[in-house]
Amino acid sequence: GGGGGGAANPFGAAGNPFANMSQGANGGGFSFNDFEEIFQKMSGSGKDKTRKAQGPEPGADIHYKLKLDFLEAVNGCHKEISFNTMRRCGACSGSGCTDAGAHAKCAHCGGRGKKVMSTGFFHMQQDCTHCGGAGEVGRSGCTQCSGKGIIKDRSVQTLPVPKGVNNKERLKVSGKGEAGMRNGPPGNLYV
């Protein structure tokens, strides 16, 4: 008879009920990323990618590859660089609204920027989806920047390069990256 000599499966024809748990998102089973997402939503630290943020957002960092000759690296120098970037919109002063003070307290969260939801024993706090966590909403968006507070531009900067800079060394220039949306802080420039 063909038993194979092993012990019988205690789960019968169903097989091991835990067999697919380690497959994660690819196998349609359970993964620890599911727990991470749950805890992020409970703590309010998760980002909801479907919502449109209305509050300030930090600007992106800019990475620029600078070429130096041997003497420039040894002696130090000043180098002029230019690159495409996003700068603060002049029409709305970076606010994203055309009228000064054109922001109103968000009626959905009462200006707190957060909503608290109770589910049994747990209290979940998350950014308000209406105002994007800013606590306020714009009344009239700027037509120059489409309410973002930033527009495309070309930046020209002169950078001091210190003496003895290494070939693989990266220099950080704080606050010289792209402007932040809706008056968010600027990113950094890495050369």
N, C-alpha and C. Protein backbone atom coordinates (compact mmCIF):
# COMPACT_ATOMS: atom_id res chain seq x y z
N GLY A 1 0.81 -1.19 0.00
CA GLY A 1 0.00 0.00 0.00
C GLY A 1 0.85 1.23 0.00
N GLY A 2 0.67 2.26 -0.44
CA GLY A 2 1.55 3.40 -0.64
C GLY A 2 1.42 4.47 0.39
N GLY A 3 1.84 4.24 1.63
CA GLY A 3 1.73 5.25 2.68
C GLY A 3 2.93 6.16 2.74
N GLY A 4 4.07 5.74 2.25
CA GLY A 4 5.25 6.59 2.28
C GLY A 4 5.97 6.55 3.61
N GLY A 5 5.45 5.88 4.63
CA GLY A 5 6.14 5.70 5.88
C GLY A 5 6.06 6.88 6.82
N GLY A 6 5.50 8.03 6.47
CA GLY A 6 5.45 9.19 7.35
C GLY A 6 4.16 9.22 8.14
N ALA A 7 4.10 10.14 9.10
CA ALA A 7 2.89 10.30 9.90
C ALA A 7 1.79 10.93 9.05
N ALA A 8 0.56 10.62 9.40
CA ALA A 8 -0.58 11.18 8.67
C ALA A 8 -0.70 12.67 8.95
N ASN A 9 -1.17 13.45 7.97
CA ASN A 9 -1.37 14.89 8.13
C ASN A 9 -2.55 15.12 9.07
N PRO A 10 -2.34 15.77 10.22
CA PRO A 10 -3.44 15.98 11.16
C PRO A 10 -4.52 16.90 10.61
N PHE A 11 -4.23 17.66 9.55
CA PHE A 11 -5.21 18.57 8.98
C PHE A 11 -5.95 17.96 7.81
N GLY A 12 -5.65 16.71 7.50
CA GLY A 12 -6.35 16.01 6.43
C GLY A 12 -6.03 16.61 5.08
N ALA A 13 -7.02 16.63 4.22
CA ALA A 13 -6.84 17.12 2.85
C ALA A 13 -6.59 18.61 2.79
N ALA A 14 -6.93 19.34 3.86
CA ALA A 14 -6.77 20.80 3.86
C ALA A 14 -5.31 21.21 3.90
N GLY A 15 -4.42 20.31 4.32
CA GLY A 15 -3.01 20.66 4.40
C GLY A 15 -2.73 21.52 5.62
N ASN A 16 -1.62 22.21 5.62
CA ASN A 16 -1.22 23.06 6.73
C ASN A 16 -1.92 24.41 6.61
N PRO A 17 -2.74 24.80 7.60
CA PRO A 17 -3.45 26.08 7.49
C PRO A 17 -2.53 27.28 7.60
N PHE A 18 -1.29 27.10 8.06
CA PHE A 18 -0.36 28.21 8.22
C PHE A 18 0.66 28.28 7.09
N ALA A 19 0.54 27.44 6.10
CA ALA A 19 1.55 27.33 5.05
C ALA A 19 1.71 28.62 4.25
N ASN A 20 0.66 29.36 4.01
CA ASN A 20 0.75 30.55 3.16
C ASN A 20 1.07 31.82 3.93
N MET A 21 1.19 31.76 5.24
CA MET A 21 1.39 32.98 6.03
C MET A 21 2.70 33.67 5.73
N SER A 22 3.72 32.95 5.35
CA SER A 22 5.01 33.57 5.12
C SER A 22 5.16 34.14 3.72
N GLN A 23 4.16 34.01 2.89
CA GLN A 23 4.28 34.47 1.51
C GLN A 23 4.12 35.96 1.36
N GLY A 24 3.58 36.65 2.35
CA GLY A 24 3.46 38.10 2.29
C GLY A 24 2.55 38.56 1.18
N ALA A 25 2.81 39.77 0.70
CA ALA A 25 1.94 40.39 -0.30
C ALA A 25 1.96 39.64 -1.62
N ASN A 26 3.08 39.00 -1.95
CA ASN A 26 3.16 38.30 -3.22
C ASN A 26 2.27 37.07 -3.26
N GLY A 27 2.10 36.39 -2.11
CA GLY A 27 1.31 35.18 -2.09
C GLY A 27 -0.10 35.39 -1.61
N GLY A 28 -0.47 36.61 -1.32
CA GLY A 28 -1.82 36.90 -0.88
C GLY A 28 -2.05 36.55 0.58
N GLY A 29 -1.00 36.18 1.31
CA GLY A 29 -1.14 35.81 2.70
C GLY A 29 -0.85 36.97 3.63
N PHE A 30 -0.39 36.63 4.81
CA PHE A 30 -0.11 37.59 5.85
C PHE A 30 1.35 38.01 5.80
N SER A 31 1.66 39.26 6.13
CA SER A 31 3.05 39.67 6.28
C SER A 31 3.13 40.67 7.41
N PHE A 32 4.35 40.86 7.93
CA PHE A 32 4.52 41.81 9.02
C PHE A 32 4.31 43.24 8.55
N ASN A 33 4.36 43.51 7.25
CA ASN A 33 4.05 44.84 6.73
C ASN A 33 2.61 45.21 7.03
N ASP A 34 1.72 44.21 7.09
CA ASP A 34 0.33 44.48 7.43
C ASP A 34 0.24 45.07 8.84
N PHE A 35 1.01 44.50 9.79
CA PHE A 35 1.01 45.02 11.15
C PHE A 35 1.57 46.44 11.18
N GLU A 36 2.65 46.68 10.43
CA GLU A 36 3.26 48.00 10.39
C GLU A 36 2.25 49.04 9.91
N GLU A 37 1.52 48.71 8.86
CA GLU A 37 0.52 49.62 8.32
C GLU A 37 -0.59 49.89 9.34
N ILE A 38 -1.02 48.85 10.04
CA ILE A 38 -2.07 49.01 11.05
C ILE A 38 -1.60 49.95 12.15
N PHE A 39 -0.37 49.75 12.66
CA PHE A 39 0.13 50.59 13.74
C PHE A 39 0.37 52.02 13.28
N GLN A 40 0.78 52.22 12.03
CA GLN A 40 0.94 53.58 11.52
C GLN A 40 -0.40 54.30 11.49
N LYS A 41 -1.44 53.62 11.06
CA LYS A 41 -2.75 54.25 11.01
C LYS A 41 -3.26 54.55 12.41
N MET A 42 -2.98 53.64 13.37
CA MET A 42 -3.42 53.85 14.74
C MET A 42 -2.72 55.03 15.38
N SER A 43 -1.43 55.22 15.07
CA SER A 43 -0.67 56.29 15.69
C SER A 43 -0.77 57.60 14.93
N GLY A 44 -1.35 57.56 13.74
CA GLY A 44 -1.46 58.78 12.94
C GLY A 44 -0.22 59.09 12.14
N SER A 45 0.78 58.18 12.14
CA SER A 45 2.02 58.45 11.42
C SER A 45 2.00 57.93 10.00
N GLY A 46 0.99 57.19 9.64
CA GLY A 46 0.91 56.66 8.28
C GLY A 46 0.52 57.73 7.29
N LYS A 47 1.02 57.63 6.09
CA LYS A 47 0.70 58.59 5.04
C LYS A 47 -0.37 58.00 4.15
N ASP A 48 -1.45 58.71 3.98
CA ASP A 48 -2.51 58.27 3.09
C ASP A 48 -2.20 58.86 1.72
N LYS A 49 -1.74 58.04 0.80
CA LYS A 49 -1.28 58.53 -0.50
C LYS A 49 -2.42 59.00 -1.40
N THR A 50 -3.66 58.73 -1.03
CA THR A 50 -4.76 59.13 -1.88
C THR A 50 -5.25 60.54 -1.56
N ARG A 51 -4.89 61.05 -0.40
CA ARG A 51 -5.40 62.38 -0.04
C ARG A 51 -4.53 63.46 -0.64
N LYS A 52 -5.09 64.64 -0.80
CA LYS A 52 -4.34 65.77 -1.31
C LYS A 52 -3.99 66.67 -0.14
N ALA A 53 -2.73 66.78 0.18
CA ALA A 53 -2.30 67.57 1.32
C ALA A 53 -2.51 69.05 1.05
N GLN A 54 -2.94 69.78 2.08
CA GLN A 54 -3.16 71.21 1.96
C GLN A 54 -2.15 72.01 2.77
N GLY A 55 -1.44 71.38 3.69
CA GLY A 55 -0.51 72.08 4.56
C GLY A 55 0.87 72.22 3.95
N PRO A 56 1.78 72.89 4.67
CA PRO A 56 3.15 73.05 4.19
C PRO A 56 3.83 71.69 4.03
N GLU A 57 4.66 71.57 3.00
CA GLU A 57 5.43 70.35 2.77
C GLU A 57 6.87 70.75 2.50
N PRO A 58 7.84 70.03 3.05
CA PRO A 58 9.24 70.38 2.84
C PRO A 58 9.66 70.23 1.38
N GLY A 59 10.61 71.05 0.97
CA GLY A 59 11.14 70.97 -0.39
C GLY A 59 12.07 69.79 -0.56
N ALA A 60 12.27 69.39 -1.79
CA ALA A 60 13.14 68.24 -2.10
C ALA A 60 14.60 68.66 -2.03
N ASP A 61 15.46 67.71 -1.69
CA ASP A 61 16.90 67.93 -1.74
C ASP A 61 17.35 67.88 -3.20
N ILE A 62 18.39 68.63 -3.50
CA ILE A 62 18.97 68.62 -4.84
C ILE A 62 20.37 68.01 -4.74
N HIS A 63 20.68 67.08 -5.63
CA HIS A 63 22.00 66.45 -5.69
C HIS A 63 22.66 66.89 -6.99
N TYR A 64 23.82 67.55 -6.87
CA TYR A 64 24.52 68.11 -8.02
C TYR A 64 25.93 67.54 -8.06
N LYS A 65 26.32 67.01 -9.21
CA LYS A 65 27.67 66.46 -9.36
C LYS A 65 28.59 67.56 -9.87
N LEU A 66 29.55 67.94 -9.05
CA LEU A 66 30.48 69.02 -9.37
C LEU A 66 31.83 68.44 -9.77
N LYS A 67 32.37 68.92 -10.89
CA LYS A 67 33.69 68.46 -11.35
C LYS A 67 34.72 69.53 -11.01
N LEU A 68 35.80 69.08 -10.38
CA LEU A 68 36.90 69.96 -10.02
C LEU A 68 38.19 69.43 -10.65
N ASP A 69 39.07 70.35 -11.07
CA ASP A 69 40.39 69.88 -11.49
C ASP A 69 41.26 69.75 -10.23
N PHE A 70 42.46 69.22 -10.40
CA PHE A 70 43.32 68.90 -9.27
C PHE A 70 43.63 70.14 -8.42
N LEU A 71 44.02 71.25 -9.06
CA LEU A 71 44.39 72.45 -8.32
C LEU A 71 43.20 73.07 -7.59
N GLU A 72 42.01 73.01 -8.18
CA GLU A 72 40.82 73.52 -7.49
C GLU A 72 40.55 72.72 -6.22
N ALA A 73 40.73 71.40 -6.29
CA ALA A 73 40.50 70.56 -5.12
C ALA A 73 41.55 70.80 -4.04
N VAL A 74 42.80 70.99 -4.44
CA VAL A 74 43.88 71.19 -3.47
C VAL A 74 43.80 72.57 -2.83
N ASN A 75 43.62 73.61 -3.63
CA ASN A 75 43.67 74.99 -3.15
C ASN A 75 42.33 75.54 -2.68
N GLY A 76 41.23 74.90 -3.07
CA GLY A 76 39.92 75.46 -2.78
C GLY A 76 39.57 76.50 -3.83
N CYS A 77 38.31 76.79 -3.99
CA CYS A 77 37.90 77.76 -5.01
C CYS A 77 36.43 78.12 -4.80
N HIS A 78 35.94 78.97 -5.65
CA HIS A 78 34.51 79.28 -5.72
C HIS A 78 34.02 78.82 -7.09
N LYS A 79 32.98 78.01 -7.11
CA LYS A 79 32.44 77.48 -8.37
C LYS A 79 31.01 77.95 -8.54
N GLU A 80 30.71 78.41 -9.76
CA GLU A 80 29.34 78.79 -10.09
C GLU A 80 28.64 77.57 -10.70
N ILE A 81 27.47 77.26 -10.17
CA ILE A 81 26.69 76.14 -10.69
C ILE A 81 25.29 76.63 -11.03
N SER A 82 24.64 75.94 -11.95
CA SER A 82 23.24 76.27 -12.28
C SER A 82 22.47 74.97 -12.48
N PHE A 83 21.21 75.00 -12.07
CA PHE A 83 20.37 73.81 -12.14
C PHE A 83 18.90 74.21 -12.11
N ASN A 84 18.05 73.33 -12.62
CA ASN A 84 16.61 73.55 -12.55
C ASN A 84 16.12 73.25 -11.14
N THR A 85 15.18 74.05 -10.66
CA THR A 85 14.68 73.88 -9.30
C THR A 85 13.25 74.39 -9.20
N MET A 86 12.70 74.29 -8.03
CA MET A 86 11.40 74.88 -7.72
C MET A 86 11.65 76.01 -6.72
N ARG A 87 11.11 77.20 -7.01
CA ARG A 87 11.29 78.32 -6.10
C ARG A 87 9.93 78.80 -5.62
N ARG A 88 9.94 79.61 -4.59
CA ARG A 88 8.72 80.15 -4.02
C ARG A 88 8.02 81.04 -5.04
N CYS A 89 6.71 80.88 -5.16
CA CYS A 89 5.90 81.67 -6.09
C CYS A 89 5.84 83.11 -5.59
N GLY A 90 6.16 84.06 -6.46
CA GLY A 90 6.11 85.47 -6.09
C GLY A 90 4.70 86.04 -6.04
N ALA A 91 3.79 85.47 -6.83
CA ALA A 91 2.42 85.99 -6.88
C ALA A 91 1.68 85.79 -5.57
N CYS A 92 1.95 84.69 -4.87
CA CYS A 92 1.23 84.41 -3.61
C CYS A 92 2.18 84.35 -2.42
N SER A 93 3.44 84.71 -2.61
CA SER A 93 4.47 84.65 -1.57
C SER A 93 4.62 83.25 -0.98
N GLY A 94 4.34 82.24 -1.79
CA GLY A 94 4.52 80.86 -1.37
C GLY A 94 3.38 80.26 -0.59
N SER A 95 2.30 81.01 -0.38
CA SER A 95 1.19 80.49 0.43
C SER A 95 0.26 79.58 -0.36
N GLY A 96 0.22 79.75 -1.68
CA GLY A 96 -0.71 78.98 -2.51
C GLY A 96 -2.05 79.65 -2.67
N CYS A 97 -2.27 80.77 -1.95
CA CYS A 97 -3.54 81.52 -2.03
C CYS A 97 -3.28 82.92 -2.59
N THR A 98 -4.23 83.43 -3.33
CA THR A 98 -4.05 84.75 -3.94
C THR A 98 -4.28 85.89 -2.98
N ASP A 99 -5.14 85.73 -2.00
CA ASP A 99 -5.44 86.80 -1.05
C ASP A 99 -4.69 86.57 0.25
N ALA A 100 -4.13 87.66 0.80
CA ALA A 100 -3.47 87.54 2.10
C ALA A 100 -4.49 87.12 3.15
N GLY A 101 -4.12 86.19 3.96
CA GLY A 101 -5.04 85.71 4.99
C GLY A 101 -6.21 84.93 4.43
N ALA A 102 -6.04 84.35 3.24
CA ALA A 102 -7.15 83.66 2.59
C ALA A 102 -7.30 82.22 3.07
N HIS A 103 -6.79 81.91 4.22
CA HIS A 103 -6.95 80.58 4.78
C HIS A 103 -8.05 80.62 5.85
N ALA A 104 -8.79 79.55 5.91
CA ALA A 104 -9.85 79.43 6.91
C ALA A 104 -9.63 78.16 7.71
N LYS A 105 -10.08 78.17 8.96
CA LYS A 105 -9.97 76.99 9.81
C LYS A 105 -10.77 75.86 9.19
N CYS A 106 -10.18 74.68 9.15
CA CYS A 106 -10.84 73.51 8.56
C CYS A 106 -12.05 73.13 9.41
N ALA A 107 -13.20 73.06 8.77
CA ALA A 107 -14.44 72.72 9.48
C ALA A 107 -14.50 71.24 9.84
N HIS A 108 -13.75 70.41 9.13
CA HIS A 108 -13.81 68.96 9.36
C HIS A 108 -13.07 68.53 10.62
N CYS A 109 -11.98 69.23 10.97
CA CYS A 109 -11.21 68.85 12.16
C CYS A 109 -11.17 69.95 13.20
N GLY A 110 -11.86 71.05 12.96
CA GLY A 110 -11.88 72.15 13.91
C GLY A 110 -10.56 72.90 14.01
N GLY A 111 -9.72 72.79 12.98
CA GLY A 111 -8.44 73.49 12.98
C GLY A 111 -7.31 72.72 13.66
N ARG A 112 -7.56 71.52 14.15
CA ARG A 112 -6.53 70.73 14.82
C ARG A 112 -5.62 69.98 13.84
N GLY A 113 -6.11 69.72 12.64
CA GLY A 113 -5.32 68.99 11.65
C GLY A 113 -5.34 67.49 11.85
N LYS A 114 -5.95 67.02 12.90
CA LYS A 114 -6.02 65.59 13.22
C LYS A 114 -7.46 65.20 13.51
N LYS A 115 -7.76 63.95 13.25
CA LYS A 115 -9.05 63.38 13.62
C LYS A 115 -8.77 62.16 14.49
N VAL A 116 -9.56 61.99 15.54
CA VAL A 116 -9.42 60.84 16.43
C VAL A 116 -10.63 59.96 16.23
N MET A 117 -10.36 58.68 15.96
CA MET A 117 -11.45 57.72 15.77
C MET A 117 -11.30 56.64 16.83
N SER A 118 -12.38 56.28 17.47
CA SER A 118 -12.37 55.23 18.48
C SER A 118 -12.92 53.95 17.88
N THR A 119 -12.18 52.87 18.08
CA THR A 119 -12.64 51.56 17.65
C THR A 119 -12.45 50.61 18.82
N GLY A 120 -13.46 50.48 19.64
CA GLY A 120 -13.36 49.61 20.81
C GLY A 120 -12.38 50.18 21.80
N PHE A 121 -11.32 49.43 22.10
CA PHE A 121 -10.33 49.86 23.07
C PHE A 121 -9.28 50.79 22.48
N PHE A 122 -9.18 50.84 21.17
CA PHE A 122 -8.14 51.63 20.52
C PHE A 122 -8.67 52.99 20.09
N HIS A 123 -7.79 53.98 20.21
CA HIS A 123 -8.07 55.32 19.69
C HIS A 123 -7.04 55.58 18.59
N MET A 124 -7.51 55.83 17.39
CA MET A 124 -6.61 56.08 16.27
C MET A 124 -6.64 57.56 15.94
N GLN A 125 -5.44 58.13 15.79
CA GLN A 125 -5.32 59.53 15.41
C GLN A 125 -4.66 59.58 14.05
N GLN A 126 -5.25 60.32 13.13
CA GLN A 126 -4.65 60.45 11.81
C GLN A 126 -4.89 61.85 11.28
N ASP A 127 -4.06 62.22 10.30
CA ASP A 127 -4.21 63.54 9.68
C ASP A 127 -5.60 63.68 9.08
N CYS A 128 -6.16 64.87 9.21
CA CYS A 128 -7.45 65.15 8.59
C CYS A 128 -7.28 65.05 7.07
N THR A 129 -8.14 64.29 6.43
CA THR A 129 -8.03 64.10 4.98
C THR A 129 -8.50 65.33 4.20
N HIS A 130 -9.25 66.20 4.84
CA HIS A 130 -9.74 67.39 4.14
C HIS A 130 -8.66 68.48 4.04
N CYS A 131 -7.94 68.73 5.14
CA CYS A 131 -6.93 69.80 5.12
C CYS A 131 -5.51 69.25 5.05
N GLY A 132 -5.36 67.93 5.01
CA GLY A 132 -4.04 67.33 4.92
C GLY A 132 -3.20 67.50 6.17
N GLY A 133 -3.84 67.73 7.31
CA GLY A 133 -3.11 67.87 8.56
C GLY A 133 -2.71 69.30 8.87
N ALA A 134 -3.06 70.25 8.01
CA ALA A 134 -2.66 71.65 8.21
C ALA A 134 -3.57 72.38 9.19
N GLY A 135 -4.81 71.93 9.34
CA GLY A 135 -5.76 72.60 10.22
C GLY A 135 -6.45 73.78 9.57
N GLU A 136 -6.06 74.10 8.34
CA GLU A 136 -6.69 75.19 7.62
C GLU A 136 -6.74 74.86 6.14
N VAL A 137 -7.64 75.51 5.44
CA VAL A 137 -7.80 75.29 4.00
C VAL A 137 -7.76 76.64 3.30
N GLY A 138 -7.26 76.63 2.07
CA GLY A 138 -7.21 77.86 1.28
C GLY A 138 -8.56 78.15 0.66
N ARG A 139 -8.90 79.42 0.60
CA ARG A 139 -10.18 79.82 0.02
C ARG A 139 -10.07 80.01 -1.49
N SER A 140 -8.98 80.62 -1.94
CA SER A 140 -8.83 80.86 -3.38
C SER A 140 -7.39 80.56 -3.78
N GLY A 141 -7.21 79.52 -4.58
CA GLY A 141 -5.88 79.08 -4.98
C GLY A 141 -5.23 80.03 -5.97
N CYS A 142 -3.91 80.15 -5.88
CA CYS A 142 -3.13 81.00 -6.77
C CYS A 142 -3.11 80.37 -8.16
N THR A 143 -3.37 81.17 -9.18
CA THR A 143 -3.39 80.65 -10.55
C THR A 143 -1.98 80.49 -11.12
N GLN A 144 -0.99 81.22 -10.59
CA GLN A 144 0.38 81.11 -11.08
C GLN A 144 1.02 79.78 -10.72
N CYS A 145 0.74 79.28 -9.52
CA CYS A 145 1.39 78.05 -9.04
C CYS A 145 0.40 76.92 -8.79
N SER A 146 -0.85 77.11 -9.17
CA SER A 146 -1.91 76.11 -8.97
C SER A 146 -2.09 75.74 -7.50
N GLY A 147 -1.87 76.71 -6.62
CA GLY A 147 -2.08 76.49 -5.19
C GLY A 147 -0.95 75.78 -4.48
N LYS A 148 0.16 75.51 -5.17
CA LYS A 148 1.28 74.78 -4.56
C LYS A 148 2.26 75.70 -3.83
N GLY A 149 2.30 76.97 -4.21
CA GLY A 149 3.22 77.91 -3.58
C GLY A 149 4.62 77.89 -4.18
N ILE A 150 4.86 77.05 -5.19
CA ILE A 150 6.17 76.96 -5.83
C ILE A 150 6.01 76.89 -7.35
N ILE A 151 7.04 77.40 -8.06
CA ILE A 151 7.04 77.36 -9.52
C ILE A 151 8.43 76.93 -10.00
N LYS A 152 8.51 76.43 -11.23
CA LYS A 152 9.79 76.01 -11.82
C LYS A 152 10.65 77.24 -12.09
N ASP A 153 11.97 77.07 -11.90
CA ASP A 153 12.90 78.16 -12.13
C ASP A 153 14.30 77.58 -12.35
N ARG A 154 15.21 78.44 -12.75
CA ARG A 154 16.62 78.07 -12.92
C ARG A 154 17.39 78.79 -11.83
N SER A 155 18.20 78.07 -11.08
CA SER A 155 18.98 78.66 -9.99
C SER A 155 20.45 78.70 -10.37
N VAL A 156 21.09 79.83 -10.09
CA VAL A 156 22.53 79.98 -10.29
C VAL A 156 23.12 80.35 -8.93
N GLN A 157 24.10 79.56 -8.49
CA GLN A 157 24.69 79.79 -7.17
C GLN A 157 26.20 79.68 -7.26
N THR A 158 26.88 80.47 -6.45
CA THR A 158 28.33 80.39 -6.33
C THR A 158 28.65 79.72 -5.00
N LEU A 159 29.38 78.60 -5.08
CA LEU A 159 29.66 77.82 -3.88
C LEU A 159 31.14 77.88 -3.52
N PRO A 160 31.45 78.10 -2.24
CA PRO A 160 32.84 78.01 -1.81
C PRO A 160 33.24 76.54 -1.63
N VAL A 161 34.31 76.13 -2.29
CA VAL A 161 34.82 74.76 -2.16
C VAL A 161 36.04 74.84 -1.26
N PRO A 162 36.04 74.14 -0.12
CA PRO A 162 37.17 74.23 0.82
C PRO A 162 38.45 73.59 0.28
N LYS A 163 39.60 74.01 0.82
CA LYS A 163 40.89 73.44 0.43
C LYS A 163 40.93 71.96 0.79
N GLY A 164 41.57 71.18 -0.08
CA GLY A 164 41.81 69.77 0.21
C GLY A 164 40.58 68.89 0.17
N VAL A 165 39.58 69.30 -0.58
CA VAL A 165 38.37 68.49 -0.65
C VAL A 165 38.67 67.16 -1.33
N ASN A 166 38.10 66.10 -0.80
CA ASN A 166 38.31 64.74 -1.31
C ASN A 166 37.45 64.51 -2.54
N ASN A 167 37.89 63.64 -3.42
CA ASN A 167 37.19 63.31 -4.66
C ASN A 167 35.77 62.80 -4.41
N LYS A 168 35.56 62.00 -3.36
CA LYS A 168 34.25 61.41 -3.08
C LYS A 168 33.46 62.18 -2.02
N GLU A 169 33.99 63.28 -1.54
CA GLU A 169 33.35 64.04 -0.47
C GLU A 169 32.11 64.76 -0.98
N ARG A 170 31.08 64.81 -0.13
CA ARG A 170 29.84 65.52 -0.47
C ARG A 170 29.73 66.74 0.42
N LEU A 171 29.43 67.87 -0.18
CA LEU A 171 29.22 69.09 0.58
C LEU A 171 27.73 69.35 0.71
N LYS A 172 27.30 69.71 1.90
CA LYS A 172 25.88 70.01 2.14
C LYS A 172 25.72 71.51 2.32
N VAL A 173 24.80 72.09 1.55
CA VAL A 173 24.47 73.50 1.68
C VAL A 173 23.02 73.55 2.16
N SER A 174 22.84 73.81 3.45
CA SER A 174 21.51 73.77 4.05
C SER A 174 20.59 74.84 3.49
N GLY A 175 19.35 74.44 3.22
CA GLY A 175 18.32 75.39 2.79
C GLY A 175 18.43 75.86 1.35
N LYS A 176 19.33 75.27 0.55
CA LYS A 176 19.49 75.71 -0.84
C LYS A 176 18.93 74.71 -1.84
N GLY A 177 18.10 73.77 -1.36
CA GLY A 177 17.42 72.84 -2.25
C GLY A 177 16.14 73.49 -2.78
N GLU A 178 15.19 72.66 -3.18
CA GLU A 178 13.93 73.19 -3.71
C GLU A 178 13.10 73.82 -2.59
N ALA A 179 12.34 74.84 -2.96
CA ALA A 179 11.44 75.49 -2.01
C ALA A 179 10.35 74.51 -1.60
N GLY A 180 9.88 74.64 -0.38
CA GLY A 180 8.81 73.78 0.10
C GLY A 180 7.45 74.26 -0.39
N MET A 181 6.53 73.32 -0.58
CA MET A 181 5.18 73.68 -1.03
C MET A 181 4.43 74.38 0.11
N ARG A 182 3.65 75.39 -0.26
CA ARG A 182 2.84 76.17 0.67
C ARG A 182 3.66 76.62 1.88
N ASN A 183 4.80 77.26 1.59
CA ASN A 183 5.72 77.82 2.59
C ASN A 183 6.34 76.78 3.51
N GLY A 184 6.47 75.56 3.03
CA GLY A 184 7.21 74.54 3.78
C GLY A 184 8.69 74.85 3.75
N PRO A 185 9.47 74.23 4.62
CA PRO A 185 10.91 74.51 4.66
C PRO A 185 11.61 74.02 3.39
N PRO A 186 12.67 74.72 2.97
CA PRO A 186 13.38 74.29 1.75
C PRO A 186 14.21 73.04 2.01
N GLY A 187 14.49 72.33 0.93
CA GLY A 187 15.39 71.18 1.01
C GLY A 187 16.83 71.64 1.04
N ASN A 188 17.76 70.70 0.99
CA ASN A 188 19.18 71.01 1.01
C ASN A 188 19.80 70.74 -0.35
N LEU A 189 20.95 71.36 -0.58
CA LEU A 189 21.72 71.13 -1.80
C LEU A 189 22.94 70.30 -1.43
N TYR A 190 23.11 69.17 -2.11
CA TYR A 190 24.28 68.31 -1.90
C TYR A 190 25.13 68.35 -3.16
N VAL A 191 26.41 68.72 -2.99
CA VAL A 191 27.32 68.86 -4.11
C VAL A 191 28.46 67.88 -3.94
